[in-house]
Protein backbone atom coordinates (compact mmCIF):
# COMPACT_ATOMS: atom_id res chain seq x y z
CA MET A 1 38.56 -61.18 -39.01
CA SER A 2 37.58 -58.28 -36.85
CA LEU A 3 35.53 -55.27 -37.82
CA SER A 4 37.20 -51.90 -37.80
CA VAL A 5 35.61 -48.47 -37.84
CA ARG A 6 37.63 -45.60 -39.27
CA GLU A 7 36.96 -42.08 -40.35
CA ALA A 8 36.29 -41.92 -44.05
CA GLY A 9 38.55 -39.88 -46.32
CA GLN A 10 38.77 -38.51 -49.86
CA GLY A 11 39.57 -41.85 -51.37
CA ASP A 12 36.51 -43.54 -49.97
CA ALA A 13 33.89 -42.20 -52.43
CA ASP A 14 33.58 -45.54 -54.30
CA ALA A 15 33.05 -47.50 -51.09
CA LEU A 16 30.52 -45.00 -49.72
CA TRP A 17 28.52 -44.99 -52.96
CA ALA A 18 28.50 -48.82 -53.06
CA LEU A 19 26.83 -48.71 -49.64
CA LEU A 20 24.54 -45.74 -50.08
CA GLY A 21 23.41 -46.37 -53.63
CA PRO A 22 21.45 -49.61 -53.11
CA VAL A 23 19.91 -48.38 -49.88
CA PHE A 24 18.74 -45.03 -51.35
CA ARG A 25 17.41 -46.72 -54.45
CA ALA A 26 15.43 -49.22 -52.41
CA GLY A 27 13.62 -46.26 -50.88
CA GLU A 28 12.66 -48.02 -47.64
CA THR A 29 14.65 -45.95 -44.98
CA TYR A 30 15.85 -42.65 -46.17
CA ALA A 31 13.73 -39.64 -47.40
CA VAL A 32 15.88 -39.03 -50.45
CA PRO A 33 14.88 -39.51 -54.11
CA ARG A 34 15.14 -43.12 -55.12
CA ASP A 35 16.87 -42.02 -58.36
CA ILE A 36 19.45 -39.97 -56.53
CA GLY A 37 22.77 -39.86 -58.32
CA ARG A 38 26.21 -40.56 -56.99
CA VAL A 39 27.37 -36.90 -56.71
CA GLU A 40 24.09 -35.84 -54.96
CA ALA A 41 24.16 -38.80 -52.59
CA LEU A 42 27.79 -38.32 -51.58
CA GLY A 43 27.05 -34.58 -51.26
CA PHE A 44 24.23 -35.40 -48.87
CA TRP A 45 26.20 -37.96 -46.78
CA CYS A 46 29.52 -36.06 -46.78
CA ALA A 47 28.34 -32.45 -46.60
CA PRO A 48 30.66 -29.81 -45.20
CA GLY A 49 30.76 -30.02 -41.41
CA VAL A 50 29.72 -33.72 -41.40
CA ARG A 51 32.08 -36.41 -40.05
CA VAL A 52 31.78 -39.77 -41.77
CA TRP A 53 32.96 -43.32 -40.77
CA LEU A 54 33.36 -46.63 -42.56
CA ALA A 55 33.08 -50.00 -40.91
CA GLU A 56 35.27 -52.49 -42.68
CA GLN A 57 36.18 -56.12 -42.39
CA GLY A 58 39.09 -57.48 -44.38
CA GLY A 59 39.25 -54.23 -46.39
CA ARG A 60 35.59 -54.48 -47.45
CA ALA A 61 33.25 -51.63 -46.50
CA LEU A 62 30.22 -53.09 -44.64
CA GLY A 63 28.67 -49.86 -43.27
CA THR A 64 28.90 -46.14 -42.91
CA ALA A 65 27.64 -43.51 -40.53
CA TYR A 66 27.69 -39.72 -40.28
CA LEU A 67 27.57 -37.28 -37.36
CA LYS A 68 26.61 -33.64 -37.51
CA PRO A 69 24.79 -31.04 -35.43
CA ASN A 70 21.01 -31.64 -35.62
CA GLN A 71 20.37 -27.92 -36.02
CA ARG A 72 22.31 -24.67 -36.29
CA GLY A 73 22.55 -21.91 -33.66
CA GLY A 74 20.59 -22.71 -30.54
CA GLY A 75 20.13 -26.33 -31.56
CA ASP A 76 23.72 -27.21 -32.28
CA HIS A 77 24.32 -28.92 -28.98
CA VAL A 78 22.20 -31.88 -30.15
CA ALA A 79 23.77 -34.26 -32.63
CA ASN A 80 22.19 -36.06 -35.53
CA ALA A 81 23.56 -39.19 -37.20
CA GLY A 82 22.69 -41.48 -40.07
CA PHE A 83 23.67 -45.13 -40.70
CA VAL A 84 23.71 -47.49 -43.65
CA THR A 85 24.74 -51.15 -43.49
CA ALA A 86 25.41 -53.39 -46.44
CA PRO A 87 22.48 -55.86 -46.69
CA GLU A 88 24.82 -58.90 -46.55
CA ALA A 89 26.19 -57.56 -43.17
CA ALA A 90 22.80 -57.35 -41.42
CA GLY A 91 22.87 -58.95 -38.00
CA GLN A 92 26.68 -58.98 -37.79
CA GLY A 93 27.18 -56.08 -35.39
CA VAL A 94 28.12 -53.51 -38.04
CA ALA A 95 25.43 -51.04 -37.06
CA THR A 96 26.17 -51.54 -33.37
CA ALA A 97 29.90 -50.82 -33.91
CA LEU A 98 29.06 -47.71 -35.90
CA LEU A 99 26.60 -46.53 -33.28
CA ASP A 100 29.12 -47.06 -30.47
CA ARG A 101 31.75 -45.06 -32.35
CA VAL A 102 29.33 -42.23 -33.24
CA LEU A 103 28.05 -41.94 -29.70
CA ALA A 104 31.62 -41.75 -28.36
CA GLU A 105 32.58 -39.18 -30.91
CA ALA A 106 29.42 -37.05 -30.18
CA ARG A 107 30.24 -37.11 -26.44
CA ALA A 108 33.91 -36.12 -27.23
CA ALA A 109 32.63 -33.28 -29.46
CA GLY A 110 30.60 -31.94 -26.59
CA PHE A 111 27.10 -32.75 -27.86
CA ALA A 112 24.58 -32.98 -25.04
CA ALA A 113 22.12 -35.33 -26.80
CA MET A 114 21.50 -37.16 -30.04
CA GLN A 115 18.32 -37.12 -32.08
CA PHE A 116 17.10 -39.05 -35.06
CA ASN A 117 14.58 -36.84 -36.81
CA PHE A 118 12.95 -39.34 -39.19
CA VAL A 119 13.19 -43.05 -38.42
CA VAL A 120 10.83 -44.98 -40.72
CA GLU A 121 8.64 -47.19 -38.55
CA THR A 122 9.12 -50.22 -40.73
CA ASN A 123 12.86 -50.12 -40.03
CA ALA A 124 12.44 -52.51 -37.16
CA ARG A 125 16.10 -53.58 -36.81
CA ALA A 126 17.26 -49.92 -36.52
CA ILE A 127 14.47 -49.05 -34.09
CA ALA A 128 15.37 -52.01 -31.87
CA LEU A 129 19.10 -51.00 -31.86
CA TRP A 130 18.28 -47.41 -31.02
CA ARG A 131 16.06 -48.49 -28.21
CA ARG A 132 18.68 -50.88 -26.83
CA ALA A 133 21.15 -47.92 -26.89
CA GLY A 134 18.79 -45.78 -24.80
CA PHE A 135 16.90 -43.79 -27.43
CA GLU A 136 13.24 -43.07 -26.76
CA THR A 137 10.53 -42.24 -29.21
CA VAL A 138 9.63 -38.61 -28.47
CA GLY A 139 7.41 -38.01 -31.49
CA ARG A 140 5.49 -39.75 -34.26
CA LEU A 141 4.81 -38.21 -37.66
CA PRO A 142 1.70 -39.98 -39.02
CA GLY A 143 2.00 -41.21 -42.63
CA ALA A 144 5.11 -39.07 -43.15
CA PHE A 145 6.95 -41.63 -45.35
CA ARG A 146 5.82 -43.26 -48.58
CA HIS A 147 7.34 -46.72 -48.35
CA PRO A 148 7.56 -48.48 -51.73
CA VAL A 149 5.92 -51.59 -50.39
CA ALA A 150 4.04 -50.74 -47.18
CA GLY A 151 2.59 -47.45 -48.47
CA GLU A 152 2.29 -44.50 -46.10
CA VAL A 153 3.90 -45.24 -42.76
CA ASP A 154 4.81 -43.20 -39.76
CA ALA A 155 8.25 -41.73 -39.04
CA LEU A 156 9.52 -41.57 -35.49
CA VAL A 157 11.56 -38.94 -33.81
CA MET A 158 13.98 -40.62 -31.39
CA HIS A 159 16.19 -38.94 -28.77
CA ARG A 160 18.66 -39.63 -25.97
CA ARG A 161 20.80 -37.57 -23.70
CA LEU A 162 24.56 -38.18 -23.91
């Protein structure tokens, strides 16, 4: 069965929360409170002006991504994106499919570049994917993230032109 990526809609809140909740609660990749509730998490992921996608296989949500301007005003030509993949879908191409879609949508929307502001250095799979896609590490924030297992770890700023 093939993987499909579609824009999320109003009826997708349960699927999004099923993906976001465990990742946010694990506290290993996103700088959000580990006890974040459903309403706040969905408000963060699906804020006004943010486009959201779901990757599905056989009707089951396996990943999600968002796309938004990285900054307002003079910085709104650079995109920002976030990605979450279901743990059981790791290594199955879900994040790659979402990244391909988000990069295409960012280009179509007229963004000149994409920047990830806070990539936790222990998130090796994501960093490897971003690097394969042409992202470069342009900054390092020493000890900026309190990982629940590894302690204080660096966060990377990654960027690429579109």
